């Protein structure tokens, strides 16, 4: 993992508290660590490894949210064309996720 990826992973702890959209609720960093420790979700760096080929541009924001049924990582990237792109990944398996 490159230094920039480690920086991103470190920044995730702060970004986990980002305000949520819609019905999803943000997950606290402490809760996220417990979920990872108990094997209920993947750590973000594992999800990033699975999503990286599909994510275009530089990742600028990550949040972990729960909609009451599942946990989702929301990823915002800034493309080379200057446009923002939003991605969602199921935190349990890292698969791309659609809105509920």
N, C-alpha and C. Protein backbone atom coordinates (compact mmCIF):
# COMPACT_ATOMS: atom_id res chain seq x y z
N UNK A 1 0.87 -1.18 0.00
CA UNK A 1 0.00 0.00 0.00
C UNK A 1 0.90 1.23 0.00
N UNK A 2 0.58 2.19 -0.87
CA UNK A 2 1.40 3.38 -0.98
C UNK A 2 1.13 4.35 0.17
N UNK A 3 2.02 5.30 0.31
CA UNK A 3 1.86 6.30 1.37
C UNK A 3 0.55 7.07 1.25
N UNK A 4 0.14 7.36 0.00
CA UNK A 4 -1.12 8.10 -0.18
C UNK A 4 -2.31 7.27 0.26
N UNK A 5 -2.25 5.94 0.06
CA UNK A 5 -3.35 5.09 0.53
C UNK A 5 -3.39 5.06 2.06
N UNK A 6 -2.22 5.02 2.70
CA UNK A 6 -2.20 5.05 4.17
C UNK A 6 -2.76 6.36 4.68
N UNK A 7 -2.45 7.45 3.99
CA UNK A 7 -3.01 8.75 4.39
C UNK A 7 -4.52 8.74 4.25
N UNK A 8 -4.99 8.13 3.18
CA UNK A 8 -6.43 8.04 2.97
C UNK A 8 -7.09 7.22 4.06
N UNK A 9 -6.49 6.09 4.40
CA UNK A 9 -7.06 5.23 5.45
C UNK A 9 -7.09 5.99 6.77
N UNK A 10 -6.05 6.74 7.07
CA UNK A 10 -6.03 7.52 8.31
C UNK A 10 -7.12 8.60 8.29
N UNK A 11 -7.35 9.17 7.12
CA UNK A 11 -8.37 10.22 7.01
C UNK A 11 -9.78 9.66 7.14
N UNK A 12 -9.95 8.38 6.89
CA UNK A 12 -11.27 7.77 6.98
C UNK A 12 -11.84 7.90 8.38
N UNK A 13 -11.00 7.78 9.39
CA UNK A 13 -11.49 7.90 10.77
C UNK A 13 -12.20 9.23 10.99
N UNK A 14 -11.67 10.28 10.39
CA UNK A 14 -12.30 11.59 10.51
C UNK A 14 -13.54 11.66 9.63
N UNK A 15 -13.45 11.12 8.44
CA UNK A 15 -14.55 11.22 7.48
C UNK A 15 -15.75 10.37 7.85
N UNK A 16 -15.59 9.41 8.73
CA UNK A 16 -16.71 8.54 9.10
C UNK A 16 -17.85 9.31 9.75
N UNK A 17 -17.55 10.48 10.28
CA UNK A 17 -18.58 11.27 10.96
C UNK A 17 -19.25 12.28 10.03
N UNK A 18 -18.96 12.21 8.75
CA UNK A 18 -19.55 13.14 7.79
C UNK A 18 -21.07 12.97 7.79
N UNK A 19 -21.78 14.06 7.65
CA UNK A 19 -23.25 14.00 7.66
C UNK A 19 -23.74 13.07 6.57
N UNK A 20 -24.80 12.38 6.86
CA UNK A 20 -25.34 11.41 5.92
C UNK A 20 -26.42 12.05 5.05
N UNK A 21 -26.79 11.31 3.99
CA UNK A 21 -27.87 11.72 3.10
C UNK A 21 -29.04 10.77 3.30
N UNK A 22 -30.25 11.28 3.09
CA UNK A 22 -31.41 10.41 3.13
C UNK A 22 -31.61 9.74 4.48
N UNK A 23 -31.97 8.46 4.43
CA UNK A 23 -32.28 7.72 5.65
C UNK A 23 -31.05 7.13 6.34
N UNK A 24 -29.93 7.11 5.68
CA UNK A 24 -28.74 6.49 6.25
C UNK A 24 -28.21 7.32 7.42
N UNK A 25 -27.70 6.61 8.40
CA UNK A 25 -27.13 7.25 9.59
C UNK A 25 -25.62 7.03 9.60
N UNK A 26 -24.84 8.05 9.97
CA UNK A 26 -23.39 7.87 10.04
C UNK A 26 -23.02 6.88 11.14
N UNK A 27 -21.93 6.17 10.93
CA UNK A 27 -21.40 5.22 11.90
C UNK A 27 -20.18 5.86 12.54
N UNK A 28 -20.11 5.83 13.86
CA UNK A 28 -18.97 6.44 14.55
C UNK A 28 -17.70 5.63 14.30
N UNK A 29 -16.53 6.27 14.40
CA UNK A 29 -15.28 5.55 14.23
C UNK A 29 -15.15 4.38 15.21
N UNK A 30 -15.62 4.56 16.44
CA UNK A 30 -15.53 3.48 17.43
C UNK A 30 -16.38 2.29 17.01
N UNK A 31 -17.60 2.57 16.55
CA UNK A 31 -18.48 1.49 16.10
C UNK A 31 -17.88 0.80 14.87
N UNK A 32 -17.31 1.57 13.97
CA UNK A 32 -16.69 1.00 12.77
C UNK A 32 -15.56 0.04 13.15
N UNK A 33 -14.73 0.44 14.09
CA UNK A 33 -13.62 -0.43 14.53
C UNK A 33 -14.16 -1.73 15.11
N UNK A 34 -15.23 -1.64 15.90
CA UNK A 34 -15.83 -2.85 16.49
C UNK A 34 -16.42 -3.75 15.41
N UNK A 35 -17.08 -3.17 14.44
CA UNK A 35 -17.66 -3.96 13.36
C UNK A 35 -16.57 -4.69 12.57
N UNK A 36 -15.46 -4.00 12.31
CA UNK A 36 -14.33 -4.63 11.61
C UNK A 36 -13.74 -5.73 12.48
N UNK A 37 -13.52 -5.44 13.75
CA UNK A 37 -12.91 -6.40 14.67
C UNK A 37 -13.74 -7.69 14.77
N UNK A 38 -15.07 -7.56 14.72
CA UNK A 38 -15.95 -8.72 14.83
C UNK A 38 -16.27 -9.36 13.47
N UNK A 39 -15.65 -8.84 12.42
CA UNK A 39 -15.83 -9.43 11.10
C UNK A 39 -17.16 -9.15 10.44
N UNK A 40 -17.88 -8.15 10.94
CA UNK A 40 -19.18 -7.83 10.36
C UNK A 40 -19.06 -6.97 9.11
N UNK A 41 -17.99 -6.18 9.00
CA UNK A 41 -17.72 -5.39 7.80
C UNK A 41 -16.22 -5.49 7.50
N UNK A 42 -15.89 -5.11 6.27
CA UNK A 42 -14.49 -5.03 5.86
C UNK A 42 -13.93 -3.66 6.22
N UNK A 43 -12.64 -3.61 6.50
CA UNK A 43 -11.97 -2.33 6.69
C UNK A 43 -11.96 -1.60 5.35
N UNK A 44 -11.95 -0.27 5.40
CA UNK A 44 -12.03 0.49 4.16
C UNK A 44 -10.89 0.15 3.21
N UNK A 45 -9.69 -0.04 3.70
CA UNK A 45 -8.57 -0.32 2.78
C UNK A 45 -8.80 -1.61 2.01
N UNK A 46 -9.52 -2.58 2.59
CA UNK A 46 -9.86 -3.81 1.87
C UNK A 46 -10.90 -3.53 0.79
N UNK A 47 -11.88 -2.71 1.12
CA UNK A 47 -12.91 -2.34 0.14
C UNK A 47 -12.28 -1.53 -0.99
N UNK A 48 -11.39 -0.62 -0.65
CA UNK A 48 -10.72 0.20 -1.65
C UNK A 48 -9.96 -0.69 -2.64
N UNK A 49 -9.30 -1.72 -2.15
CA UNK A 49 -8.58 -2.63 -3.04
C UNK A 49 -9.50 -3.29 -4.05
N UNK A 50 -10.73 -3.57 -3.65
CA UNK A 50 -11.69 -4.19 -4.55
C UNK A 50 -12.34 -3.17 -5.49
N UNK A 51 -12.51 -1.95 -5.01
CA UNK A 51 -13.20 -0.92 -5.79
C UNK A 51 -12.26 -0.12 -6.70
N UNK A 52 -10.98 -0.08 -6.38
CA UNK A 52 -10.05 0.82 -7.05
C UNK A 52 -10.14 0.81 -8.57
N UNK A 53 -10.27 -0.35 -9.22
CA UNK A 53 -10.34 -0.29 -10.70
C UNK A 53 -11.56 0.50 -11.21
N UNK A 54 -12.64 0.52 -10.45
CA UNK A 54 -13.86 1.20 -10.89
C UNK A 54 -13.91 2.67 -10.49
N UNK A 55 -13.12 3.05 -9.49
CA UNK A 55 -13.14 4.42 -8.99
C UNK A 55 -12.25 5.28 -9.88
N UNK A 56 -12.86 6.28 -10.51
CA UNK A 56 -12.12 7.19 -11.39
C UNK A 56 -11.75 8.45 -10.63
N UNK A 57 -10.49 8.82 -10.66
CA UNK A 57 -10.04 10.06 -10.04
C UNK A 57 -9.51 9.86 -8.64
N UNK A 58 -9.34 10.98 -7.96
CA UNK A 58 -8.78 11.01 -6.61
C UNK A 58 -9.89 10.96 -5.57
N UNK A 59 -9.77 10.03 -4.63
CA UNK A 59 -10.77 9.93 -3.57
C UNK A 59 -10.58 11.10 -2.62
N UNK A 60 -11.67 11.82 -2.37
CA UNK A 60 -11.57 13.00 -1.51
C UNK A 60 -12.40 12.89 -0.24
N UNK A 61 -13.34 11.93 -0.20
CA UNK A 61 -14.19 11.80 0.98
C UNK A 61 -14.70 10.37 1.09
N UNK A 62 -14.73 9.87 2.32
CA UNK A 62 -15.27 8.53 2.60
C UNK A 62 -16.11 8.62 3.85
N UNK A 63 -17.27 7.96 3.83
CA UNK A 63 -18.12 7.88 5.01
C UNK A 63 -18.67 6.48 5.11
N UNK A 64 -18.82 6.00 6.34
CA UNK A 64 -19.48 4.71 6.59
C UNK A 64 -20.84 5.01 7.18
N UNK A 65 -21.88 4.43 6.57
CA UNK A 65 -23.25 4.68 7.00
C UNK A 65 -24.01 3.38 7.12
N UNK A 66 -25.10 3.43 7.88
CA UNK A 66 -26.01 2.29 7.99
C UNK A 66 -27.41 2.76 7.64
N UNK A 67 -28.10 1.96 6.84
CA UNK A 67 -29.49 2.28 6.52
C UNK A 67 -30.44 1.41 7.33
N UNK A 68 -29.92 0.73 8.34
CA UNK A 68 -30.73 -0.13 9.18
C UNK A 68 -30.72 -1.58 8.73
N UNK A 69 -30.34 -1.83 7.47
CA UNK A 69 -30.27 -3.18 6.93
C UNK A 69 -28.85 -3.59 6.60
N UNK A 70 -28.04 -2.61 6.22
CA UNK A 70 -26.67 -2.89 5.81
C UNK A 70 -25.79 -1.67 6.05
N UNK A 71 -24.50 -1.90 5.97
CA UNK A 71 -23.52 -0.83 6.11
C UNK A 71 -22.95 -0.53 4.73
N UNK A 72 -22.83 0.76 4.43
CA UNK A 72 -22.31 1.19 3.13
C UNK A 72 -21.17 2.17 3.33
N UNK A 73 -20.12 1.99 2.52
CA UNK A 73 -19.09 3.02 2.41
C UNK A 73 -19.53 3.92 1.26
N UNK A 74 -19.59 5.23 1.51
CA UNK A 74 -19.86 6.21 0.47
C UNK A 74 -18.52 6.85 0.13
N UNK A 75 -18.21 6.86 -1.14
CA UNK A 75 -16.91 7.34 -1.60
C UNK A 75 -17.16 8.46 -2.61
N UNK A 76 -16.52 9.60 -2.39
CA UNK A 76 -16.61 10.71 -3.35
C UNK A 76 -15.22 10.88 -3.95
N UNK A 77 -15.18 10.97 -5.29
CA UNK A 77 -13.91 11.12 -6.00
C UNK A 77 -13.99 12.32 -6.93
N UNK A 78 -12.86 12.94 -7.12
CA UNK A 78 -12.74 14.06 -8.06
C UNK A 78 -12.03 13.53 -9.30
N UNK A 79 -12.75 13.50 -10.42
CA UNK A 79 -12.20 12.97 -11.66
C UNK A 79 -11.19 13.90 -12.29
N UNK A 80 -10.43 13.36 -13.21
CA UNK A 80 -9.45 14.17 -13.93
C UNK A 80 -10.11 15.30 -14.72
N UNK A 81 -11.39 15.10 -15.03
CA UNK A 81 -12.13 16.11 -15.78
C UNK A 81 -12.70 17.20 -14.87
N UNK A 82 -12.43 17.11 -13.54
CA UNK A 82 -12.90 18.11 -12.60
C UNK A 82 -14.30 17.86 -12.07
N UNK A 83 -14.92 16.74 -12.47
CA UNK A 83 -16.28 16.42 -12.01
C UNK A 83 -16.21 15.46 -10.83
N UNK A 84 -17.15 15.64 -9.89
CA UNK A 84 -17.25 14.76 -8.74
C UNK A 84 -18.04 13.52 -9.13
N UNK A 85 -17.62 12.39 -8.56
CA UNK A 85 -18.31 11.14 -8.76
C UNK A 85 -18.56 10.50 -7.40
N UNK A 86 -19.74 9.94 -7.24
CA UNK A 86 -20.08 9.25 -5.99
C UNK A 86 -20.16 7.75 -6.25
N UNK A 87 -19.58 7.00 -5.32
CA UNK A 87 -19.60 5.55 -5.38
C UNK A 87 -20.09 5.03 -4.04
N UNK A 88 -20.70 3.86 -4.08
CA UNK A 88 -21.13 3.20 -2.84
C UNK A 88 -20.65 1.77 -2.90
N UNK A 89 -20.21 1.26 -1.76
CA UNK A 89 -19.78 -0.13 -1.66
C UNK A 89 -20.38 -0.75 -0.42
N UNK A 90 -20.86 -1.96 -0.56
CA UNK A 90 -21.36 -2.71 0.58
C UNK A 90 -20.17 -3.00 1.49
N UNK A 91 -20.25 -2.59 2.74
CA UNK A 91 -19.12 -2.75 3.65
C UNK A 91 -18.89 -4.21 4.05
N UNK A 92 -19.86 -5.07 3.83
CA UNK A 92 -19.71 -6.47 4.19
C UNK A 92 -18.84 -7.24 3.20
N UNK A 93 -19.01 -6.94 1.90
CA UNK A 93 -18.26 -7.70 0.89
C UNK A 93 -17.49 -6.84 -0.10
N UNK A 94 -17.63 -5.52 -0.03
CA UNK A 94 -16.91 -4.62 -0.92
C UNK A 94 -17.52 -4.47 -2.30
N UNK A 95 -18.66 -5.11 -2.54
CA UNK A 95 -19.30 -5.03 -3.85
C UNK A 95 -19.92 -3.65 -4.04
N UNK A 96 -19.94 -3.20 -5.29
CA UNK A 96 -20.62 -1.95 -5.61
C UNK A 96 -22.07 -2.07 -5.17
N UNK A 97 -22.60 -1.00 -4.59
CA UNK A 97 -23.96 -1.03 -4.05
C UNK A 97 -24.82 0.01 -4.72
N UNK A 98 -26.07 -0.31 -4.86
CA UNK A 98 -27.07 0.62 -5.36
C UNK A 98 -27.80 1.21 -4.17
N UNK A 99 -28.47 2.33 -4.40
CA UNK A 99 -29.29 2.92 -3.35
C UNK A 99 -30.42 1.96 -2.98
N UNK A 100 -30.80 1.94 -1.70
CA UNK A 100 -31.91 1.05 -1.30
C UNK A 100 -33.22 1.45 -1.93
